[in-house]
Amino acid sequence: MSVKKKRFVCRADCKIQINEDEEATEAQIVDISRIGAKVKTESACPVGSEIEVVLPKKRVMFPNETVTIDSWSFVGKIMWSKGDYMGQEFKELMEQERMDQLISAS
């Protein structure tokens, strides 16, 4: 298994934007890899749609410091959808630093 495909459990709260005309809705990233993510949401997400996942600005408390992570987002395509879950394939590989932020902050 390549490093890019290894999935990590993630419980990061986020918002999803399916198209620019609709309001962003609440969601949660369930797991993530460098090429995609599994997202839980109650919104209808048609397979093939482009989706933007937006992570809010967040303060993370560590034993010796507090880190503020600015809001950021990533874009991809919905590859599958089942019940409240969907799979997103990213347009570009996620940077390892961003993935580490998601995994450690959740």
PDB file of N, CA and C in Angstrom:
ATOM      1  N   MET A   1       0.861  -1.195   0.000  1.00  0.00           N
ATOM      2  CA  MET A   1       0.000   0.000   0.000  1.00  0.00           C
ATOM      3  C   MET A   1       0.893   1.240   0.000  1.00  0.00           C
ATOM      4  N   SER A   2       0.624   2.147  -0.877  1.00  0.00           N
ATOM      5  CA  SER A   2       1.438   3.359  -0.946  1.00  0.00           C
ATOM      6  C   SER A   2       1.043   4.319   0.166  1.00  0.00           C
ATOM      7  N   VAL A   3       1.963   5.208   0.492  1.00  0.00           N
ATOM      8  CA  VAL A   3       1.717   6.204   1.538  1.00  0.00           C
ATOM      9  C   VAL A   3       0.513   7.069   1.187  1.00  0.00           C
ATOM     10  N   LYS A   4       0.340   7.376  -0.097  1.00  0.00           N
ATOM     11  CA  LYS A   4      -0.742   8.258  -0.526  1.00  0.00           C
ATOM     12  C   LYS A   4      -2.122   7.680  -0.221  1.00  0.00           C
ATOM     13  N   LYS A   5      -2.246   6.351  -0.233  1.00  0.00           N
ATOM     14  CA  LYS A   5      -3.553   5.728  -0.067  1.00  0.00           C
ATOM     15  C   LYS A   5      -3.864   5.334   1.374  1.00  0.00           C
ATOM     16  N   LYS A   6      -2.892   5.406   2.263  1.00  0.00           N
ATOM     17  CA  LYS A   6      -3.124   5.031   3.657  1.00  0.00           C
ATOM     18  C   LYS A   6      -4.145   5.983   4.269  1.00  0.00           C
ATOM     19  N   ARG A   7      -5.185   5.421   4.887  1.00  0.00           N
ATOM     20  CA  ARG A   7      -6.266   6.226   5.454  1.00  0.00           C
ATOM     21  C   ARG A   7      -6.069   6.371   6.954  1.00  0.00           C
ATOM     22  N   PHE A   8      -6.428   7.547   7.453  1.00  0.00           N
ATOM     23  CA  PHE A   8      -6.315   7.841   8.878  1.00  0.00           C
ATOM     24  C   PHE A   8      -7.667   8.266   9.411  1.00  0.00           C
ATOM     25  N   VAL A   9      -8.004   7.775  10.594  1.00  0.00           N
ATOM     26  CA  VAL A   9      -9.250   8.190  11.232  1.00  0.00           C
ATOM     27  C   VAL A   9      -9.158   9.676  11.532  1.00  0.00           C
ATOM     28  N   CYS A  10     -10.229  10.377  11.293  1.00  0.00           N
ATOM     29  CA  CYS A  10     -10.274  11.819  11.486  1.00  0.00           C
ATOM     30  C   CYS A  10     -11.685  12.181  11.908  1.00  0.00           C
ATOM     31  N   ARG A  11     -11.841  13.015  12.891  1.00  0.00           N
ATOM     32  CA  ARG A  11     -13.174  13.431  13.342  1.00  0.00           C
ATOM     33  C   ARG A  11     -13.285  14.951  13.290  1.00  0.00           C
ATOM     34  N   ALA A  12     -12.811  15.528  12.202  1.00  0.00           N
ATOM     35  CA  ALA A  12     -12.790  16.988  12.079  1.00  0.00           C
ATOM     36  C   ALA A  12     -14.143  17.515  11.601  1.00  0.00           C
ATOM     37  N   ASP A  13     -14.712  18.441  12.361  1.00  0.00           N
ATOM     38  CA  ASP A  13     -15.939  19.104  11.929  1.00  0.00           C
ATOM     39  C   ASP A  13     -15.597  20.069  10.799  1.00  0.00           C
ATOM     40  N   CYS A  14     -16.503  20.176   9.847  1.00  0.00           N
ATOM     41  CA  CYS A  14     -16.266  21.033   8.690  1.00  0.00           C
ATOM     42  C   CYS A  14     -17.604  21.467   8.108  1.00  0.00           C
ATOM     43  N   LYS A  15     -17.541  22.227   7.048  1.00  0.00           N
ATOM     44  CA  LYS A  15     -18.725  22.576   6.265  1.00  0.00           C
ATOM     45  C   LYS A  15     -18.443  22.141   4.839  1.00  0.00           C
ATOM     46  N   ILE A  16     -19.503  21.765   4.136  1.00  0.00           N
ATOM     47  CA  ILE A  16     -19.320  21.407   2.737  1.00  0.00           C
ATOM     48  C   ILE A  16     -20.139  22.332   1.861  1.00  0.00           C
ATOM     49  N   GLN A  17     -19.555  22.654   0.735  1.00  0.00           N
ATOM     50  CA  GLN A  17     -20.190  23.530  -0.250  1.00  0.00           C
ATOM     51  C   GLN A  17     -20.251  22.734  -1.543  1.00  0.00           C
ATOM     52  N   ILE A  18     -21.478  22.378  -1.974  1.00  0.00           N
ATOM     53  CA  ILE A  18     -21.605  21.573  -3.187  1.00  0.00           C
ATOM     54  C   ILE A  18     -21.575  22.448  -4.433  1.00  0.00           C
ATOM     55  N   ASN A  19     -22.274  23.538  -4.416  1.00  0.00           N
ATOM     56  CA  ASN A  19     -22.104  24.503  -5.496  1.00  0.00           C
ATOM     57  C   ASN A  19     -22.253  25.896  -4.912  1.00  0.00           C
ATOM     58  N   GLU A  20     -21.768  26.878  -5.622  1.00  0.00           N
ATOM     59  CA  GLU A  20     -21.677  28.234  -5.072  1.00  0.00           C
ATOM     60  C   GLU A  20     -23.019  28.848  -4.721  1.00  0.00           C
ATOM     61  N   ASP A  21     -24.095  28.361  -5.334  1.00  0.00           N
ATOM     62  CA  ASP A  21     -25.415  28.945  -5.095  1.00  0.00           C
ATOM     63  C   ASP A  21     -26.045  28.487  -3.782  1.00  0.00           C
ATOM     64  N   GLU A  22     -25.647  27.324  -3.313  1.00  0.00           N
ATOM     65  CA  GLU A  22     -26.254  26.780  -2.098  1.00  0.00           C
ATOM     66  C   GLU A  22     -25.449  27.166  -0.863  1.00  0.00           C
ATOM     67  N   GLU A  23     -26.142  27.145   0.267  1.00  0.00           N
ATOM     68  CA  GLU A  23     -25.496  27.459   1.534  1.00  0.00           C
ATOM     69  C   GLU A  23     -24.638  26.272   1.969  1.00  0.00           C
ATOM     70  N   ALA A  24     -23.506  26.555   2.594  1.00  0.00           N
ATOM     71  CA  ALA A  24     -22.649  25.490   3.108  1.00  0.00           C
ATOM     72  C   ALA A  24     -23.375  24.767   4.238  1.00  0.00           C
ATOM     73  N   THR A  25     -23.184  23.449   4.335  1.00  0.00           N
ATOM     74  CA  THR A  25     -23.851  22.668   5.367  1.00  0.00           C
ATOM     75  C   THR A  25     -22.830  21.977   6.263  1.00  0.00           C
ATOM     76  N   GLU A  26     -23.274  21.651   7.472  1.00  0.00           N
ATOM     77  CA  GLU A  26     -22.415  20.993   8.454  1.00  0.00           C
ATOM     78  C   GLU A  26     -22.062  19.582   8.002  1.00  0.00           C
ATOM     79  N   ALA A  27     -20.835  19.162   8.317  1.00  0.00           N
ATOM     80  CA  ALA A  27     -20.378  17.819   7.979  1.00  0.00           C
ATOM     81  C   ALA A  27     -19.230  17.435   8.913  1.00  0.00           C
ATOM     82  N   GLN A  28     -18.761  16.211   8.765  1.00  0.00           N
ATOM     83  CA  GLN A  28     -17.616  15.759   9.546  1.00  0.00           C
ATOM     84  C   GLN A  28     -16.759  14.844   8.678  1.00  0.00           C
ATOM     85  N   ILE A  29     -15.450  15.075   8.683  1.00  0.00           N
ATOM     86  CA  ILE A  29     -14.529  14.186   7.982  1.00  0.00           C
ATOM     87  C   ILE A  29     -14.361  12.950   8.857  1.00  0.00           C
ATOM     88  N   VAL A  30     -14.613  11.776   8.297  1.00  0.00           N
ATOM     89  CA  VAL A  30     -14.549  10.519   9.044  1.00  0.00           C
ATOM     90  C   VAL A  30     -13.164   9.895   8.937  1.00  0.00           C
ATOM     91  N   ASP A  31     -12.638   9.855   7.721  1.00  0.00           N
ATOM     92  CA  ASP A  31     -11.251   9.427   7.539  1.00  0.00           C
ATOM     93  C   ASP A  31     -10.673  10.146   6.325  1.00  0.00           C
ATOM     94  N   ILE A  32      -9.348  10.120   6.255  1.00  0.00           N
ATOM     95  CA  ILE A  32      -8.685  10.930   5.237  1.00  0.00           C
ATOM     96  C   ILE A  32      -7.400  10.259   4.785  1.00  0.00           C
ATOM     97  N   SER A  33      -7.038  10.488   3.527  1.00  0.00           N
ATOM     98  CA  SER A  33      -5.747  10.076   2.986  1.00  0.00           C
ATOM     99  C   SER A  33      -5.245  11.260   2.158  1.00  0.00           C
ATOM    100  N   ARG A  34      -4.105  11.092   1.530  1.00  0.00           N
ATOM    101  CA  ARG A  34      -3.591  12.204   0.719  1.00  0.00           C
ATOM    102  C   ARG A  34      -4.379  12.377  -0.570  1.00  0.00           C
ATOM    103  N   ILE A  35      -5.184  11.356  -0.956  1.00  0.00           N
ATOM    104  CA  ILE A  35      -5.919  11.436  -2.221  1.00  0.00           C
ATOM    105  C   ILE A  35      -7.419  11.641  -2.055  1.00  0.00           C
ATOM    106  N   GLY A  36      -7.931  11.495  -0.809  1.00  0.00           N
ATOM    107  CA  GLY A  36      -9.368  11.653  -0.644  1.00  0.00           C
ATOM    108  C   GLY A  36      -9.817  11.563   0.799  1.00  0.00           C
ATOM    109  N   ALA A  37     -11.132  11.701   0.984  1.00  0.00           N
ATOM    110  CA  ALA A  37     -11.694  11.686   2.325  1.00  0.00           C
ATOM    111  C   ALA A  37     -13.086  11.056   2.305  1.00  0.00           C
ATOM    112  N   LYS A  38     -13.449  10.479   3.439  1.00  0.00           N
ATOM    113  CA  LYS A  38     -14.808  10.002   3.661  1.00  0.00           C
ATOM    114  C   LYS A  38     -15.465  11.037   4.555  1.00  0.00           C
ATOM    115  N   VAL A  39     -16.615  11.550   4.116  1.00  0.00           N
ATOM    116  CA  VAL A  39     -17.285  12.642   4.816  1.00  0.00           C
ATOM    117  C   VAL A  39     -18.698  12.217   5.184  1.00  0.00           C
ATOM    118  N   LYS A  40     -19.106  12.560   6.409  1.00  0.00           N
ATOM    119  CA  LYS A  40     -20.467  12.289   6.866  1.00  0.00           C
ATOM    120  C   LYS A  40     -21.253  13.598   6.821  1.00  0.00           C
ATOM    121  N   THR A  41     -22.422  13.557   6.185  1.00  0.00           N
ATOM    122  CA  THR A  41     -23.271  14.735   6.092  1.00  0.00           C
ATOM    123  C   THR A  41     -24.706  14.305   5.842  1.00  0.00           C
ATOM    124  N   GLU A  42     -25.646  15.131   6.261  1.00  0.00           N
ATOM    125  CA  GLU A  42     -27.047  14.842   5.988  1.00  0.00           C
ATOM    126  C   GLU A  42     -27.499  15.458   4.668  1.00  0.00           C
ATOM    127  N   SER A  43     -26.615  16.191   4.012  1.00  0.00           N
ATOM    128  CA  SER A  43     -26.954  16.822   2.733  1.00  0.00           C
ATOM    129  C   SER A  43     -26.919  15.796   1.601  1.00  0.00           C
ATOM    130  N   ALA A  44     -27.769  16.005   0.618  1.00  0.00           N
ATOM    131  CA  ALA A  44     -27.741  15.161  -0.575  1.00  0.00           C
ATOM    132  C   ALA A  44     -26.535  15.579  -1.418  1.00  0.00           C
ATOM    133  N   CYS A  45     -25.699  14.623  -1.769  1.00  0.00           N
ATOM    134  CA  CYS A  45     -24.480  14.908  -2.511  1.00  0.00           C
ATOM    135  C   CYS A  45     -24.420  14.017  -3.741  1.00  0.00           C
ATOM    136  N   PRO A  46     -24.844  14.528  -4.892  1.00  0.00           N
ATOM    137  CA  PRO A  46     -24.851  13.710  -6.113  1.00  0.00           C
ATOM    138  C   PRO A  46     -23.441  13.290  -6.539  1.00  0.00           C
ATOM    139  N   VAL A  47     -23.280  12.009  -6.853  1.00  0.00           N
ATOM    140  CA  VAL A  47     -21.998  11.494  -7.335  1.00  0.00           C
ATOM    141  C   VAL A  47     -21.615  12.275  -8.588  1.00  0.00           C
ATOM    142  N   GLY A  48     -20.344  12.645  -8.674  1.00  0.00           N
ATOM    143  CA  GLY A  48     -19.845  13.412  -9.811  1.00  0.00           C
ATOM    144  C   GLY A  48     -19.783  14.904  -9.543  1.00  0.00           C
ATOM    145  N   SER A  49     -20.449  15.359  -8.473  1.00  0.00           N
ATOM    146  CA  SER A  49     -20.441  16.787  -8.140  1.00  0.00           C
ATOM    147  C   SER A  49     -19.083  17.212  -7.605  1.00  0.00           C
ATOM    148  N   GLU A  50     -18.739  18.473  -7.869  1.00  0.00           N
ATOM    149  CA  GLU A  50     -17.544  19.051  -7.255  1.00  0.00           C
ATOM    150  C   GLU A  50     -17.957  19.545  -5.879  1.00  0.00           C
ATOM    151  N   ILE A  51     -17.106  19.339  -4.909  1.00  0.00           N
ATOM    152  CA  ILE A  51     -17.421  19.719  -3.535  1.00  0.00           C
ATOM    153  C   ILE A  51     -16.214  20.396  -2.903  1.00  0.00           C
ATOM    154  N   GLU A  52     -16.485  21.414  -2.112  1.00  0.00           N
ATOM    155  CA  GLU A  52     -15.434  22.079  -1.341  1.00  0.00           C
ATOM    156  C   GLU A  52     -15.678  21.788   0.128  1.00  0.00           C
ATOM    157  N   VAL A  53     -14.663  21.285   0.802  1.00  0.00           N
ATOM    158  CA  VAL A  53     -14.729  21.030   2.242  1.00  0.00           C
ATOM    159  C   VAL A  53     -13.980  22.168   2.926  1.00  0.00           C
ATOM    160  N   VAL A  54     -14.684  22.878   3.824  1.00  0.00           N
ATOM    161  CA  VAL A  54     -14.117  24.051   4.489  1.00  0.00           C
ATOM    162  C   VAL A  54     -13.927  23.747   5.973  1.00  0.00           C
ATOM    163  N   LEU A  55     -12.707  23.913   6.433  1.00  0.00           N
ATOM    164  CA  LEU A  55     -12.394  23.703   7.851  1.00  0.00           C
ATOM    165  C   LEU A  55     -12.300  25.054   8.541  1.00  0.00           C
ATOM    166  N   PRO A  56     -12.992  25.201   9.674  1.00  0.00           N
ATOM    167  CA  PRO A  56     -13.005  26.498  10.353  1.00  0.00           C
ATOM    168  C   PRO A  56     -11.681  26.802  11.044  1.00  0.00           C
ATOM    169  N   LYS A  57     -11.483  28.070  11.339  1.00  0.00           N
ATOM    170  CA  LYS A  57     -10.330  28.484  12.149  1.00  0.00           C
ATOM    171  C   LYS A  57     -10.451  27.766  13.485  1.00  0.00           C
ATOM    172  N   LYS A  58      -9.336  27.288  14.009  1.00  0.00           N
ATOM    173  CA  LYS A  58      -9.394  26.448  15.206  1.00  0.00           C
ATOM    174  C   LYS A  58      -8.184  26.689  16.093  1.00  0.00           C
ATOM    175  N   ARG A  59      -8.424  26.658  17.388  1.00  0.00           N
ATOM    176  CA  ARG A  59      -7.328  26.724  18.367  1.00  0.00           C
ATOM    177  C   ARG A  59      -7.125  25.323  18.924  1.00  0.00           C
ATOM    178  N   VAL A  60      -5.882  24.867  18.881  1.00  0.00           N
ATOM    179  CA  VAL A  60      -5.559  23.531  19.367  1.00  0.00           C
ATOM    180  C   VAL A  60      -4.628  23.673  20.565  1.00  0.00           C
ATOM    181  N   MET A  61      -5.032  23.069  21.682  1.00  0.00           N
ATOM    182  CA  MET A  61      -4.246  23.153  22.919  1.00  0.00           C
ATOM    183  C   MET A  61      -3.351  21.916  23.041  1.00  0.00           C
ATOM    184  N   PHE A  62      -2.058  22.155  23.137  1.00  0.00           N
ATOM    185  CA  PHE A  62      -1.095  21.103  23.399  1.00  0.00           C
ATOM    186  C   PHE A  62      -0.544  21.343  24.804  1.00  0.00           C
ATOM    187  N   PRO A  63       0.124  20.349  25.400  1.00  0.00           N
ATOM    188  CA  PRO A  63       0.625  20.539  26.772  1.00  0.00           C
ATOM    189  C   PRO A  63       1.490  21.786  26.953  1.00  0.00           C
ATOM    190  N   ASN A  64       2.319  22.123  25.972  1.00  0.00           N
ATOM    191  CA  ASN A  64       3.256  23.240  26.129  1.00  0.00           C
ATOM    192  C   ASN A  64       2.932  24.463  25.287  1.00  0.00           C
ATOM    193  N   GLU A  65       1.882  24.390  24.466  1.00  0.00           N
ATOM    194  CA  GLU A  65       1.569  25.533  23.609  1.00  0.00           C
ATOM    195  C   GLU A  65       0.142  25.445  23.079  1.00  0.00           C
ATOM    196  N   THR A  66      -0.337  26.575  22.597  1.00  0.00           N
ATOM    197  CA  THR A  66      -1.622  26.640  21.906  1.00  0.00           C
ATOM    198  C   THR A  66      -1.354  27.109  20.490  1.00  0.00           C
ATOM    199  N   VAL A  67      -1.898  26.380  19.530  1.00  0.00           N
ATOM    200  CA  VAL A  67      -1.668  26.685  18.131  1.00  0.00           C
ATOM    201  C   VAL A  67      -2.994  27.098  17.488  1.00  0.00           C
ATOM    202  N   THR A  68      -2.972  28.177  16.705  1.00  0.00           N
ATOM    203  CA  THR A  68      -4.149  28.594  15.956  1.00  0.00           C
ATOM    204  C   THR A  68      -3.955  28.189  14.507  1.00  0.00           C
ATOM    205  N   ILE A  69      -4.933  27.449  13.991  1.00  0.00           N
ATOM    206  CA  ILE A  69      -4.901  27.013  12.594  1.00  0.00           C
ATOM    207  C   ILE A  69      -5.960  27.808  11.856  1.00  0.00           C
ATOM    208  N   ASP A  70      -5.540  28.568  10.842  1.00  0.00           N
ATOM    209  CA  ASP A  70      -6.482  29.377  10.066  1.00  0.00           C
ATOM    210  C   ASP A  70      -7.433  28.490   9.275  1.00  0.00           C
ATOM    211  N   SER A  71      -8.581  29.049   8.944  1.00  0.00           N
ATOM    212  CA  SER A  71      -9.551  28.355   8.107  1.00  0.00           C
ATOM    213  C   SER A  71      -8.913  28.019   6.757  1.00  0.00           C
ATOM    214  N   TRP A  72      -9.206  26.854   6.229  1.00  0.00           N
ATOM    215  CA  TRP A  72      -8.706  26.444   4.925  1.00  0.00           C
ATOM    216  C   TRP A  72      -9.668  25.445   4.316  1.00  0.00           C
ATOM    217  N   SER A  73      -9.484  25.158   3.044  1.00  0.00           N
ATOM    218  CA  SER A  73     -10.413  24.255   2.369  1.00  0.00           C
ATOM    219  C   SER A  73      -9.691  23.436   1.313  1.00  0.00           C
ATOM    220  N   PHE A  74     -10.372  22.392   0.856  1.00  0.00           N
ATOM    221  CA  PHE A  74      -9.870  21.596  -0.250  1.00  0.00           C
ATOM    222  C   PHE A  74     -11.044  21.196  -1.134  1.00  0.00           C
ATOM    223  N   VAL A  75     -10.748  21.019  -2.414  1.00  0.00           N
ATOM    224  CA  VAL A  75     -11.781  20.758  -3.417  1.00  0.00           C
ATOM    225  C   VAL A  75     -11.563  19.375  -4.010  1.00  0.00           C
ATOM    226  N   GLY A  76     -12.656  18.731  -4.336  1.00  0.00           N
ATOM    227  CA  GLY A  76     -12.574  17.426  -4.971  1.00  0.00           C
ATOM    228  C   GLY A  76     -13.901  17.049  -5.606  1.00  0.00           C
ATOM    229  N   LYS A  77     -13.976  15.804  -6.003  1.00  0.00           N
ATOM    230  CA  LYS A  77     -15.157  15.291  -6.697  1.00  0.00           C
ATOM    231  C   LYS A  77     -15.758  14.157  -5.871  1.00  0.00           C
ATOM    232  N   ILE A  78     -17.085  14.108  -5.801  1.00  0.00           N
ATOM    233  CA  ILE A  78     -17.760  13.034  -5.080  1.00  0.00           C
ATOM    234  C   ILE A  78     -17.720  11.785  -5.958  1.00  0.00           C
ATOM    235  N   MET A  79     -17.090  10.725  -5.419  1.00  0.00           N
ATOM    236  CA  MET A  79     -16.916   9.492  -6.180  1.00  0.00           C
ATOM    237  C   MET A  79     -17.993   8.460  -5.846  1.00  0.00           C
ATOM    238  N   TRP A  80     -18.512   8.509  -4.617  1.00  0.00           N
ATOM    239  CA  TRP A  80     -19.574   7.596  -4.206  1.00  0.00           C
ATOM    240  C   TRP A  80     -20.373   8.230  -3.078  1.00  0.00           C
ATOM    241  N   SER A  81     -21.589   7.739  -2.883  1.00  0.00           N
ATOM    242  CA  SER A  81     -22.450   8.254  -1.832  1.00  0.00           C
ATOM    243  C   SER A  81     -23.338   7.118  -1.344  1.00  0.00           C
ATOM    244  N   LYS A  82     -23.417   6.945  -0.012  1.00  0.00           N
ATOM    245  CA  LYS A  82     -24.250   5.889   0.563  1.00  0.00           C
ATOM    246  C   LYS A  82     -24.766   6.366   1.914  1.00  0.00           C
ATOM    247  N   GLY A  83     -26.085   6.532   2.028  1.00  0.00           N
ATOM    248  CA  GLY A  83     -26.661   7.029   3.278  1.00  0.00           C
ATOM    249  C   GLY A  83     -26.125   8.415   3.589  1.00  0.00           C
ATOM    250  N   ASP A  84     -25.614   8.604   4.803  1.00  0.00           N
ATOM    251  CA  ASP A  84     -25.069   9.899   5.225  1.00  0.00           C
ATOM    252  C   ASP A  84     -23.586  10.055   4.884  1.00  0.00           C
ATOM    253  N   TYR A  85     -23.012   9.111   4.147  1.00  0.00           N
ATOM    254  CA  TYR A  85     -21.573   9.138   3.871  1.00  0.00           C
ATOM    255  C   TYR A  85     -21.303   9.311   2.383  1.00  0.00           C
ATOM    256  N   MET A  86     -20.159   9.927   2.093  1.00  0.00           N
ATOM    257  CA  MET A  86     -19.730  10.062   0.701  1.00  0.00           C
ATOM    258  C   MET A  86     -18.213  10.013   0.648  1.00  0.00           C
ATOM    259  N   GLY A  87     -17.704   9.653  -0.506  1.00  0.00           N
ATOM    260  CA  GLY A  87     -16.266   9.618  -0.719  1.00  0.00           C
ATOM    261  C   GLY A  87     -15.867  10.724  -1.671  1.00  0.00           C
ATOM    262  N   GLN A  88     -14.861  11.483  -1.274  1.00  0.00           N
ATOM    263  CA  GLN A  88     -14.376  12.597  -2.082  1.00  0.00           C
ATOM    264  C   GLN A  88     -12.958  12.298  -2.534  1.00  0.00           C
ATOM    265  N   GLU A  89     -12.715  12.466  -3.834  1.00  0.00           N
ATOM    266  CA  GLU A  89     -11.355  12.380  -4.358  1.00  0.00           C
ATOM    267  C   GLU A  89     -10.865  13.798  -4.579  1.00  0.00           C
ATOM    268  N   PHE A  90      -9.711  14.143  -4.010  1.00  0.00           N
ATOM    269  CA  PHE A  90      -9.182  15.501  -4.112  1.00  0.00           C
ATOM    270  C   PHE A  90      -8.688  15.811  -5.510  1.00  0.00           C
ATOM    271  N   LYS A  91      -8.765  17.099  -5.889  1.00  0.00           N
ATOM    272  CA  LYS A  91      -8.211  17.544  -7.179  1.00  0.00           C
ATOM    273  C   LYS A  91      -6.690  17.418  -7.171  1.00  0.00           C
ATOM    274  N   GLU A  92      -6.090  17.697  -6.016  1.00  0.00           N
ATOM    275  CA  GLU A  92      -4.630  17.623  -5.866  1.00  0.00           C
ATOM    276  C   GLU A  92      -4.311  16.833  -4.608  1.00  0.00           C
ATOM    277  N   LEU A  93      -3.148  16.206  -4.572  1.00  0.00           N
ATOM    278  CA  LEU A  93      -2.725  15.494  -3.363  1.00  0.00           C
ATOM    279  C   LEU A  93      -2.722  16.456  -2.181  1.00  0.00           C
ATOM    280  N   MET A  94      -3.213  15.994  -1.044  1.00  0.00           N
ATOM    281  CA  MET A  94      -3.173  16.839   0.142  1.00  0.00           C
ATOM    282  C   MET A  94      -1.746  16.863   0.678  1.00  0.00           C
ATOM    283  N   GLU A  95      -1.309  18.051   1.051  1.00  0.00           N
ATOM    284  CA  GLU A  95       0.024  18.188   1.629  1.00  0.00           C
ATOM    285  C   GLU A  95       0.063  17.423   2.951  1.00  0.00           C
ATOM    286  N   GLN A  96       1.191  16.771   3.216  1.00  0.00           N
ATOM    287  CA  GLN A  96       1.340  15.978   4.441  1.00  0.00           C
ATOM    288  C   GLN A  96       1.118  16.839   5.686  1.00  0.00           C
ATOM    289  N   GLU A  97       1.594  18.072   5.653  1.00  0.00           N
ATOM    290  CA  GLU A  97       1.426  18.982   6.803  1.00  0.00           C
ATOM    291  C   GLU A  97      -0.057  19.225   7.096  1.00  0.00           C
ATOM    292  N   ARG A  98      -0.857  19.428   6.061  1.00  0.00           N
ATOM    293  CA  ARG A  98      -2.304  19.638   6.234  1.00  0.00           C
ATOM    294  C   ARG A  98      -2.960  18.384   6.793  1.00  0.00           C
ATOM    295  N   MET A  99      -2.568  17.230   6.278  1.00  0.00           N
ATOM    296  CA  MET A  99      -3.143  15.979   6.769  1.00  0.00           C
ATOM    297  C   MET A  99      -2.799  15.790   8.244  1.00  0.00           C
ATOM    298  N   ASP A 100      -1.553  16.063   8.602  1.00  0.00           N
ATOM    299  CA  ASP A 100      -1.145  15.940  10.002  1.00  0.00           C
ATOM    300  C   ASP A 100      -1.971  16.854  10.903  1.00  0.00           C
ATOM    301  N   GLN A 101      -2.274  18.072  10.428  1.00  0.00           N
ATOM    302  CA  GLN A 101      -3.101  19.008  11.201  1.00  0.00           C
ATOM    303  C   GLN A 101      -4.477  18.392  11.457  1.00  0.00           C
ATOM    304  N   LEU A 102      -5.068  17.831  10.424  1.00  0.00           N
ATOM    305  CA  LEU A 102      -6.411  17.242  10.553  1.00  0.00           C
ATOM    306  C   LEU A 102      -6.412  16.061  11.513  1.00  0.00           C
ATOM    307  N   ILE A 103      -5.428  15.195  11.388  1.00  0.00           N
ATOM    308  CA  ILE A 103      -5.388  13.999  12.218  1.00  0.00           C
ATOM    309  C   ILE A 103      -5.117  14.354  13.681  1.00  0.00           C
ATOM    310  N   SER A 104      -4.175  15.277  13.934  1.00  0.00           N
ATOM    311  CA  SER A 104      -3.812  15.611  15.312  1.00  0.00           C
ATOM    312  C   SER A 104      -4.852  16.492  15.986  1.00  0.00           C
ATOM    313  N   ALA A 105      -5.586  17.289  15.203  1.00  0.00           N
ATOM    314  CA  ALA A 105      -6.544  18.217  15.790  1.00  0.00           C
ATOM    315  C   ALA A 105      -7.908  17.595  16.033  1.00  0.00           C
ATOM    316  N   SER A 106      -8.111  16.385  15.553  1.00  0.00           N
ATOM    317  CA  SER A 106      -9.437  15.785  15.705  1.00  0.00           C
ATOM    318  C   SER A 106      -9.524  14.898  16.921  1.00  0.00           C
TER     319      SER A 106
END
